């Protein structure tokens, strides 16, 4: 064989080997399975917050880590099959920011793959960790206390619309864990305030519309929306229906108020995504979930939309405006 032909053969062999090397490198890249009850369209800012926190630990998406996004859009029944698939494919970390319902399903699916959660309720009571300081297993994360804040939010709604006595409580029965907690806490918090609670259910956008039709028909005076990731992804629909039917509504996240809702009181959900990103990065670097203490949210926000209040004919008390972290004009 001439040296020229030998060189061409060698070159051809090297070219054929390049894609194989690239594929091997890609396979070696750790994969994070990020699971959320929300929709992709409404979660760009939160996804960016997760990636930014991840990058601060040295992991850049597409360079030395891959992130698979699973936006369930309220389809909670897909959780068991999705978790089984992530475990079968041995992803490096399962990240579930602000998805209480997913954490017990993930825990049941694996005792070895690290899981970083964001849950609205006490993770010890949920059976996810042994304690806040020493989680002890393959799970850790952040507790953002949305469930504990519900009673305070009901009180703030009462301060905003003191004449409203008949309050509808909207829950998503598909999100059973959070729905049960809300159903337990809100009627209890309503009693000393002299409020009557009517329970409404919705798991789809059509059922959200039906819930508004029901509360208008029954002349309910205000609506309290229970914490739920699917509801978050429908916040524009909520704001539109509330404005159309002239119903004062209390929400659990500031995003609703930014979309035109009246008021919200709850955790900063972007902080939750960031914290899950930080812990995910630390675990990829070698930290064990058992040794990473569960963080508790300390950043809670009261946000009021004055423009929406004016449209509804509500005068926001000065004391409440002063108490608010942000007033949207």
C-alpha atoms as a PDB file:
ATOM      1  CA  UNK A   1       0.000   0.000   0.000  1.00  0.00           C
ATOM      2  CA  UNK A   2       1.388   3.455  -0.922  1.00  0.00           C
ATOM      3  CA  UNK A   3       1.994   5.889   1.903  1.00  0.00           C
ATOM      4  CA  UNK A   4      -0.727   8.180   0.402  1.00  0.00           C
ATOM      5  CA  UNK A   5      -3.333   5.362   0.466  1.00  0.00           C
ATOM      6  CA  UNK A   6      -2.264   4.389   3.976  1.00  0.00           C
ATOM      7  CA  UNK A   7      -2.765   8.011   5.106  1.00  0.00           C
ATOM      8  CA  UNK A   8      -6.247   8.158   3.531  1.00  0.00           C
ATOM      9  CA  UNK A   9      -7.184   4.832   5.179  1.00  0.00           C
ATOM     10  CA  UNK A  10      -5.898   6.105   8.524  1.00  0.00           C
ATOM     11  CA  UNK A  11      -7.816   9.359   8.113  1.00  0.00           C
ATOM     12  CA  UNK A  12     -10.991   7.452   7.230  1.00  0.00           C
ATOM     13  CA  UNK A  13     -10.600   5.312  10.356  1.00  0.00           C
ATOM     14  CA  UNK A  14     -10.088   8.378  12.552  1.00  0.00           C
ATOM     15  CA  UNK A  15     -13.150  10.102  11.049  1.00  0.00           C
ATOM     16  CA  UNK A  16     -15.257   7.039  11.784  1.00  0.00           C
ATOM     17  CA  UNK A  17     -13.968   7.028  15.368  1.00  0.00           C
ATOM     18  CA  UNK A  18     -14.846  10.708  16.054  1.00  0.00           C
ATOM     19  CA  UNK A  19     -18.651  10.250  16.312  1.00  0.00           C
ATOM     20  CA  UNK A  20     -18.048   7.247  18.580  1.00  0.00           C
ATOM     21  CA  UNK A  21     -15.817   9.319  20.862  1.00  0.00           C
ATOM     22  CA  UNK A  22     -18.391  12.144  20.904  1.00  0.00           C
ATOM     23  CA  UNK A  23     -21.160   9.670  21.744  1.00  0.00           C
ATOM     24  CA  UNK A  24     -19.086   8.131  24.545  1.00  0.00           C
ATOM     25  CA  UNK A  25     -18.431  11.596  25.977  1.00  0.00           C
ATOM     26  CA  UNK A  26     -22.150  12.423  25.764  1.00  0.00           C
ATOM     27  CA  UNK A  27     -23.000   9.149  27.513  1.00  0.00           C
ATOM     28  CA  UNK A  28     -20.538   9.955  30.283  1.00  0.00           C
ATOM     29  CA  UNK A  29     -22.226  13.331  30.863  1.00  0.00           C
ATOM     30  CA  UNK A  30     -24.469  13.107  33.956  1.00  0.00           C
ATOM     31  CA  UNK A  31     -28.201  13.472  33.290  1.00  0.00           C
ATOM     32  CA  UNK A  32     -30.548  15.348  35.650  1.00  0.00           C
ATOM     33  CA  UNK A  33     -34.235  14.497  35.430  1.00  0.00           C
ATOM     34  CA  UNK A  34     -36.134  17.683  36.359  1.00  0.00           C
ATOM     35  CA  UNK A  35     -39.804  16.962  37.060  1.00  0.00           C
ATOM     36  CA  UNK A  36     -42.449  19.680  37.452  1.00  0.00           C
ATOM     37  CA  UNK A  37     -46.273  19.792  37.540  1.00  0.00           C
ATOM     38  CA  UNK A  38     -46.206  23.020  35.524  1.00  0.00           C
ATOM     39  CA  UNK A  39     -46.224  23.668  31.760  1.00  0.00           C
ATOM     40  CA  UNK A  40     -43.025  24.560  29.836  1.00  0.00           C
ATOM     41  CA  UNK A  41     -44.460  27.838  28.484  1.00  0.00           C
ATOM     42  CA  UNK A  42     -44.949  29.380  31.916  1.00  0.00           C
ATOM     43  CA  UNK A  43     -41.742  28.100  33.504  1.00  0.00           C
ATOM     44  CA  UNK A  44     -38.925  29.689  31.472  1.00  0.00           C
ATOM     45  CA  UNK A  45     -37.880  32.013  34.331  1.00  0.00           C
ATOM     46  CA  UNK A  46     -37.889  29.171  36.876  1.00  0.00           C
ATOM     47  CA  UNK A  47     -35.914  26.833  34.587  1.00  0.00           C
ATOM     48  CA  UNK A  48     -33.367  29.632  34.080  1.00  0.00           C
ATOM     49  CA  UNK A  49     -33.112  30.052  37.888  1.00  0.00           C
ATOM     50  CA  UNK A  50     -32.413  26.330  38.300  1.00  0.00           C
ATOM     51  CA  UNK A  51     -29.743  26.395  35.549  1.00  0.00           C
ATOM     52  CA  UNK A  52     -28.082  29.527  36.982  1.00  0.00           C
ATOM     53  CA  UNK A  53     -27.790  27.924  40.442  1.00  0.00           C
ATOM     54  CA  UNK A  54     -26.461  24.736  38.835  1.00  0.00           C
ATOM     55  CA  UNK A  55     -23.848  26.737  36.896  1.00  0.00           C
ATOM     56  CA  UNK A  56     -22.682  28.397  40.130  1.00  0.00           C
ATOM     57  CA  UNK A  57     -21.645  24.923  41.349  1.00  0.00           C
ATOM     58  CA  UNK A  58     -19.665  24.391  38.104  1.00  0.00           C
ATOM     59  CA  UNK A  59     -22.228  22.494  36.017  1.00  0.00           C
ATOM     60  CA  UNK A  60     -23.239  24.068  32.698  1.00  0.00           C
ATOM     61  CA  UNK A  61     -26.132  22.503  30.772  1.00  0.00           C
ATOM     62  CA  UNK A  62     -24.900  21.049  27.475  1.00  0.00           C
ATOM     63  CA  UNK A  63     -21.221  21.309  28.489  1.00  0.00           C
ATOM     64  CA  UNK A  64     -20.736  18.952  31.425  1.00  0.00           C
ATOM     65  CA  UNK A  65     -24.319  18.047  32.381  1.00  0.00           C
ATOM     66  CA  UNK A  66     -27.584  17.288  30.592  1.00  0.00           C
ATOM     67  CA  UNK A  67     -30.970  18.356  31.967  1.00  0.00           C
ATOM     68  CA  UNK A  68     -34.102  16.478  30.882  1.00  0.00           C
ATOM     69  CA  UNK A  69     -37.193  18.585  31.537  1.00  0.00           C
ATOM     70  CA  UNK A  70     -40.419  16.760  32.291  1.00  0.00           C
ATOM     71  CA  UNK A  71     -43.253  19.346  32.509  1.00  0.00           C
ATOM     72  CA  UNK A  72     -46.348  17.314  33.435  1.00  0.00           C
ATOM     73  CA  UNK A  73     -48.899  20.136  32.939  1.00  0.00           C
ATOM     74  CA  UNK A  74     -51.026  18.891  35.846  1.00  0.00           C
ATOM     75  CA  UNK A  75     -51.059  15.228  34.725  1.00  0.00           C
ATOM     76  CA  UNK A  76     -50.177  13.794  38.134  1.00  0.00           C
ATOM     77  CA  UNK A  77     -51.163  10.280  37.022  1.00  0.00           C
ATOM     78  CA  UNK A  78     -48.042  10.183  34.801  1.00  0.00           C
ATOM     79  CA  UNK A  79     -45.740  10.297  37.849  1.00  0.00           C
ATOM     80  CA  UNK A  80     -45.263   6.559  38.622  1.00  0.00           C
ATOM     81  CA  UNK A  81     -44.350   5.629  35.013  1.00  0.00           C
ATOM     82  CA  UNK A  82     -42.043   8.650  34.679  1.00  0.00           C
ATOM     83  CA  UNK A  83     -40.197   7.862  37.931  1.00  0.00           C
ATOM     84  CA  UNK A  84     -39.826   4.213  36.929  1.00  0.00           C
ATOM     85  CA  UNK A  85     -38.321   5.326  33.589  1.00  0.00           C
ATOM     86  CA  UNK A  86     -35.839   7.764  35.217  1.00  0.00           C
ATOM     87  CA  UNK A  87     -34.741   5.034  37.653  1.00  0.00           C
ATOM     88  CA  UNK A  88     -34.420   2.430  34.877  1.00  0.00           C
ATOM     89  CA  UNK A  89     -32.175   4.798  32.910  1.00  0.00           C
ATOM     90  CA  UNK A  90     -30.143   5.568  36.056  1.00  0.00           C
ATOM     91  CA  UNK A  91     -30.167   9.363  35.813  1.00  0.00           C
ATOM     92  CA  UNK A  92     -27.597  11.035  38.080  1.00  0.00           C
ATOM     93  CA  UNK A  93     -30.124  13.101  40.096  1.00  0.00           C
ATOM     94  CA  UNK A  94     -33.911  13.487  40.154  1.00  0.00           C
ATOM     95  CA  UNK A  95     -34.793  17.155  40.839  1.00  0.00           C
ATOM     96  CA  UNK A  96     -38.360  18.095  41.798  1.00  0.00           C
ATOM     97  CA  UNK A  97     -38.576  21.799  42.656  1.00  0.00           C
ATOM     98  CA  UNK A  98     -42.013  22.768  44.018  1.00  0.00           C
ATOM     99  CA  UNK A  99     -43.637  19.373  43.432  1.00  0.00           C
ATOM    100  CA  UNK A 100     -44.849  17.916  46.745  1.00  0.00           C
ATOM    101  CA  UNK A 101     -46.835  15.078  45.133  1.00  0.00           C
ATOM    102  CA  UNK A 102     -43.785  13.762  43.250  1.00  0.00           C
ATOM    103  CA  UNK A 103     -41.504  13.298  46.267  1.00  0.00           C
ATOM    104  CA  UNK A 104     -43.187  10.213  47.827  1.00  0.00           C
ATOM    105  CA  UNK A 105     -43.471   8.606  44.351  1.00  0.00           C
ATOM    106  CA  UNK A 106     -39.761   9.174  43.702  1.00  0.00           C
ATOM    107  CA  UNK A 107     -38.842   7.849  47.161  1.00  0.00           C
ATOM    108  CA  UNK A 108     -40.822   4.661  46.491  1.00  0.00           C
ATOM    109  CA  UNK A 109     -39.095   4.248  43.108  1.00  0.00           C
ATOM    110  CA  UNK A 110     -35.442   4.317  44.277  1.00  0.00           C
ATOM    111  CA  UNK A 111     -33.285   4.140  47.402  1.00  0.00           C
ATOM    112  CA  UNK A 112     -30.032   4.816  45.516  1.00  0.00           C
ATOM    113  CA  UNK A 113     -30.503   7.677  43.003  1.00  0.00           C
ATOM    114  CA  UNK A 114     -30.185  11.071  44.765  1.00  0.00           C
ATOM    115  CA  UNK A 115     -33.458  13.023  44.885  1.00  0.00           C
ATOM    116  CA  UNK A 116     -33.661  16.792  45.509  1.00  0.00           C
ATOM    117  CA  UNK A 117     -37.184  17.954  46.380  1.00  0.00           C
ATOM    118  CA  UNK A 118     -39.074  21.170  46.917  1.00  0.00           C
ATOM    119  CA  UNK A 119     -42.122  20.363  49.087  1.00  0.00           C
ATOM    120  CA  UNK A 120     -44.854  22.550  50.540  1.00  0.00           C
ATOM    121  CA  UNK A 121     -45.215  20.410  53.662  1.00  0.00           C
ATOM    122  CA  UNK A 122     -43.064  19.030  56.468  1.00  0.00           C
ATOM    123  CA  UNK A 123     -40.809  16.421  54.777  1.00  0.00           C
ATOM    124  CA  UNK A 124     -40.415  14.518  58.075  1.00  0.00           C
ATOM    125  CA  UNK A 125     -44.228  14.125  58.354  1.00  0.00           C
ATOM    126  CA  UNK A 126     -44.350  13.119  54.679  1.00  0.00           C
ATOM    127  CA  UNK A 127     -41.839  10.339  55.517  1.00  0.00           C
ATOM    128  CA  UNK A 128     -39.225  11.683  53.090  1.00  0.00           C
ATOM    129  CA  UNK A 129     -36.379  12.306  55.571  1.00  0.00           C
ATOM    130  CA  UNK A 130     -35.419  11.270  59.108  1.00  0.00           C
ATOM    131  CA  UNK A 131     -34.905  14.902  60.209  1.00  0.00           C
ATOM    132  CA  UNK A 132     -34.233  18.351  58.776  1.00  0.00           C
ATOM    133  CA  UNK A 133     -30.627  18.420  60.029  1.00  0.00           C
ATOM    134  CA  UNK A 134     -29.774  14.851  58.978  1.00  0.00           C
ATOM    135  CA  UNK A 135     -32.026  13.592  56.164  1.00  0.00           C
ATOM    136  CA  UNK A 136     -30.345  10.165  56.368  1.00  0.00           C
ATOM    137  CA  UNK A 137     -31.334   8.648  53.017  1.00  0.00           C
ATOM    138  CA  UNK A 138     -31.177   9.519  49.326  1.00  0.00           C
ATOM    139  CA  UNK A 139     -33.478  12.571  49.591  1.00  0.00           C
ATOM    140  CA  UNK A 140     -32.958  16.192  50.617  1.00  0.00           C
ATOM    141  CA  UNK A 141     -34.136  19.611  49.452  1.00  0.00           C
ATOM    142  CA  UNK A 142     -36.220  22.577  50.528  1.00  0.00           C
ATOM    143  CA  UNK A 143     -39.443  22.915  52.509  1.00  0.00           C
ATOM    144  CA  UNK A 144     -41.243  26.059  51.328  1.00  0.00           C
ATOM    145  CA  UNK A 145     -44.077  25.944  53.870  1.00  0.00           C
ATOM    146  CA  UNK A 146     -46.922  26.819  51.464  1.00  0.00           C
ATOM    147  CA  UNK A 147     -49.308  24.673  53.486  1.00  0.00           C
ATOM    148  CA  UNK A 148     -48.472  26.434  56.775  1.00  0.00           C
ATOM    149  CA  UNK A 149     -48.973  29.853  55.158  1.00  0.00           C
ATOM    150  CA  UNK A 150     -52.532  29.125  53.995  1.00  0.00           C
ATOM    151  CA  UNK A 151     -54.183  30.284  57.244  1.00  0.00           C
ATOM    152  CA  UNK A 152     -52.289  33.590  57.170  1.00  0.00           C
ATOM    153  CA  UNK A 153     -53.299  34.117  53.533  1.00  0.00           C
ATOM    154  CA  UNK A 154     -56.958  33.565  54.415  1.00  0.00           C
ATOM    155  CA  UNK A 155     -56.589  36.233  57.131  1.00  0.00           C
ATOM    156  CA  UNK A 156     -55.063  38.659  54.601  1.00  0.00           C
ATOM    157  CA  UNK A 157     -57.950  38.027  52.180  1.00  0.00           C
ATOM    158  CA  UNK A 158     -60.355  38.776  55.030  1.00  0.00           C
ATOM    159  CA  UNK A 159     -58.482  42.049  55.724  1.00  0.00           C
ATOM    160  CA  UNK A 160     -58.734  42.986  52.053  1.00  0.00           C
ATOM    161  CA  UNK A 161     -62.445  42.155  51.631  1.00  0.00           C
ATOM    162  CA  UNK A 162     -63.827  42.222  55.214  1.00  0.00           C
ATOM    163  CA  UNK A 163     -67.478  42.100  54.056  1.00  0.00           C
ATOM    164  CA  UNK A 164     -66.968  38.798  52.178  1.00  0.00           C
ATOM    165  CA  UNK A 165     -68.282  35.944  54.335  1.00  0.00           C
ATOM    166  CA  UNK A 166     -68.955  33.190  51.775  1.00  0.00           C
ATOM    167  CA  UNK A 167     -65.539  32.063  50.492  1.00  0.00           C
ATOM    168  CA  UNK A 168     -64.966  29.354  47.880  1.00  0.00           C
ATOM    169  CA  UNK A 169     -61.901  27.153  48.356  1.00  0.00           C
ATOM    170  CA  UNK A 170     -60.541  25.715  45.101  1.00  0.00           C
ATOM    171  CA  UNK A 171     -58.388  22.577  45.281  1.00  0.00           C
ATOM    172  CA  UNK A 172     -56.977  20.132  42.736  1.00  0.00           C
ATOM    173  CA  UNK A 173     -58.047  16.606  43.820  1.00  0.00           C
ATOM    174  CA  UNK A 174     -55.418  15.109  41.464  1.00  0.00           C
ATOM    175  CA  UNK A 175     -52.800  16.641  43.785  1.00  0.00           C
ATOM    176  CA  UNK A 176     -54.065  14.620  46.748  1.00  0.00           C
ATOM    177  CA  UNK A 177     -51.404  15.335  49.415  1.00  0.00           C
ATOM    178  CA  UNK A 178     -51.622  19.129  49.102  1.00  0.00           C
ATOM    179  CA  UNK A 179     -55.419  19.096  48.629  1.00  0.00           C
ATOM    180  CA  UNK A 180     -55.910  17.112  51.873  1.00  0.00           C
ATOM    181  CA  UNK A 181     -53.725  19.530  53.867  1.00  0.00           C
ATOM    182  CA  UNK A 182     -55.569  22.561  52.462  1.00  0.00           C
ATOM    183  CA  UNK A 183     -58.946  20.948  53.200  1.00  0.00           C
ATOM    184  CA  UNK A 184     -57.847  20.383  56.791  1.00  0.00           C
ATOM    185  CA  UNK A 185     -56.267  23.794  57.436  1.00  0.00           C
ATOM    186  CA  UNK A 186     -58.579  26.289  55.721  1.00  0.00           C
ATOM    187  CA  UNK A 187     -61.960  25.431  57.329  1.00  0.00           C
ATOM    188  CA  UNK A 188     -60.127  25.471  60.688  1.00  0.00           C
ATOM    189  CA  UNK A 189     -58.655  28.930  59.972  1.00  0.00           C
ATOM    190  CA  UNK A 190     -62.048  30.188  58.706  1.00  0.00           C
ATOM    191  CA  UNK A 191     -63.959  29.488  61.943  1.00  0.00           C
ATOM    192  CA  UNK A 192     -62.517  32.223  64.187  1.00  0.00           C
ATOM    193  CA  UNK A 193     -62.915  34.724  61.292  1.00  0.00           C
ATOM    194  CA  UNK A 194     -66.610  33.830  60.927  1.00  0.00           C
ATOM    195  CA  UNK A 195     -66.162  32.734  57.307  1.00  0.00           C
ATOM    196  CA  UNK A 196     -68.217  30.082  55.496  1.00  0.00           C
ATOM    197  CA  UNK A 197     -66.162  27.837  53.212  1.00  0.00           C
ATOM    198  CA  UNK A 198     -67.534  26.227  50.039  1.00  0.00           C
ATOM    199  CA  UNK A 199     -65.245  23.603  48.467  1.00  0.00           C
ATOM    200  CA  UNK A 200     -64.746  23.472  44.696  1.00  0.00           C
ATOM    201  CA  UNK A 201     -62.589  21.030  42.681  1.00  0.00           C
ATOM    202  CA  UNK A 202     -60.662  21.500  39.440  1.00  0.00           C
ATOM    203  CA  UNK A 203     -58.021  19.360  37.697  1.00  0.00           C
ATOM    204  CA  UNK A 204     -58.348  20.765  34.143  1.00  0.00           C
ATOM    205  CA  UNK A 205     -58.726  24.214  32.581  1.00  0.00           C
ATOM    206  CA  UNK A 206     -62.365  23.384  31.725  1.00  0.00           C
ATOM    207  CA  UNK A 207     -63.025  22.526  35.387  1.00  0.00           C
ATOM    208  CA  UNK A 208     -61.475  25.868  36.446  1.00  0.00           C
ATOM    209  CA  UNK A 209     -64.054  27.597  34.220  1.00  0.00           C
ATOM    210  CA  UNK A 210     -66.830  25.454  35.714  1.00  0.00           C
ATOM    211  CA  UNK A 211     -65.672  26.355  39.251  1.00  0.00           C
ATOM    212  CA  UNK A 212     -65.974  30.085  38.471  1.00  0.00           C
ATOM    213  CA  UNK A 213     -69.445  29.507  36.979  1.00  0.00           C
ATOM    214  CA  UNK A 214     -70.475  27.709  40.192  1.00  0.00           C
ATOM    215  CA  UNK A 215     -69.218  30.392  42.559  1.00  0.00           C
ATOM    216  CA  UNK A 216     -70.946  33.116  40.483  1.00  0.00           C
ATOM    217  CA  UNK A 217     -74.203  31.115  40.469  1.00  0.00           C
ATOM    218  CA  UNK A 218     -73.984  30.565  44.247  1.00  0.00           C
ATOM    219  CA  UNK A 219     -73.113  34.263  44.821  1.00  0.00           C
ATOM    220  CA  UNK A 220     -69.904  33.361  46.618  1.00  0.00           C
ATOM    221  CA  UNK A 221     -68.113  36.588  47.592  1.00  0.00           C
ATOM    222  CA  UNK A 222     -64.430  35.619  47.196  1.00  0.00           C
ATOM    223  CA  UNK A 223     -62.196  32.759  46.081  1.00  0.00           C
ATOM    224  CA  UNK A 224     -59.198  31.203  47.850  1.00  0.00           C
ATOM    225  CA  UNK A 225     -57.017  29.162  45.476  1.00  0.00           C
ATOM    226  CA  UNK A 226     -55.234  26.221  47.116  1.00  0.00           C
ATOM    227  CA  UNK A 227     -51.524  25.735  46.305  1.00  0.00           C
ATOM    228  CA  UNK A 228     -51.026  23.607  43.180  1.00  0.00           C
ATOM    229  CA  UNK A 229     -48.484  23.514  40.339  1.00  0.00           C
ATOM    230  CA  UNK A 230     -51.139  23.022  37.659  1.00  0.00           C
ATOM    231  CA  UNK A 231     -53.021  26.095  38.895  1.00  0.00           C
ATOM    232  CA  UNK A 232     -49.746  28.065  38.571  1.00  0.00           C
ATOM    233  CA  UNK A 233     -49.584  27.192  34.881  1.00  0.00           C
ATOM    234  CA  UNK A 234     -53.172  28.490  34.408  1.00  0.00           C
ATOM    235  CA  UNK A 235     -52.618  31.861  36.107  1.00  0.00           C
ATOM    236  CA  UNK A 236     -53.638  33.951  33.054  1.00  0.00           C
ATOM    237  CA  UNK A 237     -56.895  31.992  32.853  1.00  0.00           C
ATOM    238  CA  UNK A 238     -57.515  32.680  36.569  1.00  0.00           C
ATOM    239  CA  UNK A 239     -56.851  36.419  36.188  1.00  0.00           C
ATOM    240  CA  UNK A 240     -59.121  36.633  33.115  1.00  0.00           C
ATOM    241  CA  UNK A 241     -62.023  34.736  34.734  1.00  0.00           C
ATOM    242  CA  UNK A 242     -61.710  36.665  38.018  1.00  0.00           C
ATOM    243  CA  UNK A 243     -61.801  40.015  36.161  1.00  0.00           C
ATOM    244  CA  UNK A 244     -64.712  38.915  33.960  1.00  0.00           C
ATOM    245  CA  UNK A 245     -66.810  37.695  36.899  1.00  0.00           C
ATOM    246  CA  UNK A 246     -65.544  40.451  39.247  1.00  0.00           C
ATOM    247  CA  UNK A 247     -64.422  37.986  41.939  1.00  0.00           C
ATOM    248  CA  UNK A 248     -61.707  38.873  44.496  1.00  0.00           C
ATOM    249  CA  UNK A 249     -59.195  35.990  44.550  1.00  0.00           C
ATOM    250  CA  UNK A 250     -56.305  35.174  46.912  1.00  0.00           C
ATOM    251  CA  UNK A 251     -53.443  33.216  45.344  1.00  0.00           C
ATOM    252  CA  UNK A 252     -50.371  31.431  46.717  1.00  0.00           C
ATOM    253  CA  UNK A 253     -47.667  32.849  44.382  1.00  0.00           C
ATOM    254  CA  UNK A 254     -46.751  36.344  43.168  1.00  0.00           C
ATOM    255  CA  UNK A 255     -46.833  35.128  39.529  1.00  0.00           C
ATOM    256  CA  UNK A 256     -50.652  35.196  39.648  1.00  0.00           C
ATOM    257  CA  UNK A 257     -50.639  38.864  40.679  1.00  0.00           C
ATOM    258  CA  UNK A 258     -48.087  39.720  37.986  1.00  0.00           C
ATOM    259  CA  UNK A 259     -50.554  38.147  35.511  1.00  0.00           C
ATOM    260  CA  UNK A 260     -53.372  40.427  36.769  1.00  0.00           C
ATOM    261  CA  UNK A 261     -54.561  38.608  39.900  1.00  0.00           C
ATOM    262  CA  UNK A 262     -55.645  40.595  42.978  1.00  0.00           C
ATOM    263  CA  UNK A 263     -53.356  39.393  45.779  1.00  0.00           C
ATOM    264  CA  UNK A 264     -50.967  36.637  46.780  1.00  0.00           C
ATOM    265  CA  UNK A 265     -49.122  35.528  49.864  1.00  0.00           C
ATOM    266  CA  UNK A 266     -46.582  32.746  49.741  1.00  0.00           C
ATOM    267  CA  UNK A 267     -42.992  31.655  49.174  1.00  0.00           C
ATOM    268  CA  UNK A 268     -40.725  32.986  46.437  1.00  0.00           C
ATOM    269  CA  UNK A 269     -40.858  30.004  44.068  1.00  0.00           C
ATOM    270  CA  UNK A 270     -37.796  31.164  42.125  1.00  0.00           C
ATOM    271  CA  UNK A 271     -35.792  30.715  45.369  1.00  0.00           C
ATOM    272  CA  UNK A 272     -37.091  27.138  45.562  1.00  0.00           C
ATOM    273  CA  UNK A 273     -35.884  26.338  42.020  1.00  0.00           C
ATOM    274  CA  UNK A 274     -32.520  27.963  42.798  1.00  0.00           C
ATOM    275  CA  UNK A 275     -32.026  25.984  46.025  1.00  0.00           C
ATOM    276  CA  UNK A 276     -32.875  22.711  44.250  1.00  0.00           C
ATOM    277  CA  UNK A 277     -30.316  23.705  41.576  1.00  0.00           C
ATOM    278  CA  UNK A 278     -27.619  24.368  44.206  1.00  0.00           C
ATOM    279  CA  UNK A 279     -28.150  21.018  45.942  1.00  0.00           C
ATOM    280  CA  UNK A 280     -28.290  19.163  42.597  1.00  0.00           C
ATOM    281  CA  UNK A 281     -24.890  20.637  41.669  1.00  0.00           C
ATOM    282  CA  UNK A 282     -23.396  19.807  45.071  1.00  0.00           C
ATOM    283  CA  UNK A 283     -24.571  16.190  44.765  1.00  0.00           C
ATOM    284  CA  UNK A 284     -23.038  15.923  41.274  1.00  0.00           C
ATOM    285  CA  UNK A 285     -19.765  17.088  42.865  1.00  0.00           C
ATOM    286  CA  UNK A 286     -19.941  14.249  45.383  1.00  0.00           C
ATOM    287  CA  UNK A 287     -22.043  15.471  48.329  1.00  0.00           C
ATOM    288  CA  UNK A 288     -24.465  12.894  49.773  1.00  0.00           C
ATOM    289  CA  UNK A 289     -28.161  13.829  50.206  1.00  0.00           C
ATOM    290  CA  UNK A 290     -28.022  12.205  53.665  1.00  0.00           C
ATOM    291  CA  UNK A 291     -25.537  14.886  54.778  1.00  0.00           C
ATOM    292  CA  UNK A 292     -27.237  17.947  53.204  1.00  0.00           C
ATOM    293  CA  UNK A 293     -29.733  19.455  55.685  1.00  0.00           C
ATOM    294  CA  UNK A 294     -33.241  20.253  54.437  1.00  0.00           C
ATOM    295  CA  UNK A 295     -33.502  24.030  53.946  1.00  0.00           C
ATOM    296  CA  UNK A 296     -36.597  25.959  55.037  1.00  0.00           C
ATOM    297  CA  UNK A 297     -37.877  28.955  53.063  1.00  0.00           C
ATOM    298  CA  UNK A 298     -37.573  32.272  54.860  1.00  0.00           C
ATOM    299  CA  UNK A 299     -38.647  34.511  51.968  1.00  0.00           C
ATOM    300  CA  UNK A 300     -42.456  35.002  51.940  1.00  0.00           C
ATOM    301  CA  UNK A 301     -44.142  37.734  49.929  1.00  0.00           C
ATOM    302  CA  UNK A 302     -47.411  39.607  50.075  1.00  0.00           C
ATOM    303  CA  UNK A 303     -48.098  41.111  46.636  1.00  0.00           C
ATOM    304  CA  UNK A 304     -51.154  43.255  45.819  1.00  0.00           C
ATOM    305  CA  UNK A 305     -52.306  44.483  42.404  1.00  0.00           C
ATOM    306  CA  UNK A 306     -53.887  47.929  42.928  1.00  0.00           C
ATOM    307  CA  UNK A 307     -55.046  48.143  39.323  1.00  0.00           C
ATOM    308  CA  UNK A 308     -57.042  44.907  39.739  1.00  0.00           C
ATOM    309  CA  UNK A 309     -58.388  46.130  43.102  1.00  0.00           C
ATOM    310  CA  UNK A 310     -59.686  49.314  41.414  1.00  0.00           C
ATOM    311  CA  UNK A 311     -61.349  47.267  38.628  1.00  0.00           C
ATOM    312  CA  UNK A 312     -63.107  45.187  41.320  1.00  0.00           C
ATOM    313  CA  UNK A 313     -64.100  48.303  43.284  1.00  0.00           C
ATOM    314  CA  UNK A 314     -61.950  47.276  46.261  1.00  0.00           C
ATOM    315  CA  UNK A 315     -60.216  49.901  48.351  1.00  0.00           C
ATOM    316  CA  UNK A 316     -56.986  48.391  49.675  1.00  0.00           C
ATOM    317  CA  UNK A 317     -56.462  49.481  53.312  1.00  0.00           C
ATOM    318  CA  UNK A 318     -53.320  51.553  53.901  1.00  0.00           C
ATOM    319  CA  UNK A 319     -52.145  49.128  56.589  1.00  0.00           C
ATOM    320  CA  UNK A 320     -52.234  46.284  54.043  1.00  0.00           C
ATOM    321  CA  UNK A 321     -50.363  48.343  51.429  1.00  0.00           C
ATOM    322  CA  UNK A 322     -47.632  49.071  53.993  1.00  0.00           C
ATOM    323  CA  UNK A 323     -47.451  45.395  54.886  1.00  0.00           C
ATOM    324  CA  UNK A 324     -47.080  44.327  51.228  1.00  0.00           C
ATOM    325  CA  UNK A 325     -43.656  43.408  49.843  1.00  0.00           C
ATOM    326  CA  UNK A 326     -44.784  44.746  46.495  1.00  0.00           C
ATOM    327  CA  UNK A 327     -47.749  46.816  45.321  1.00  0.00           C
ATOM    328  CA  UNK A 328     -48.367  46.670  41.572  1.00  0.00           C
ATOM    329  CA  UNK A 329     -49.835  49.983  40.388  1.00  0.00           C
END
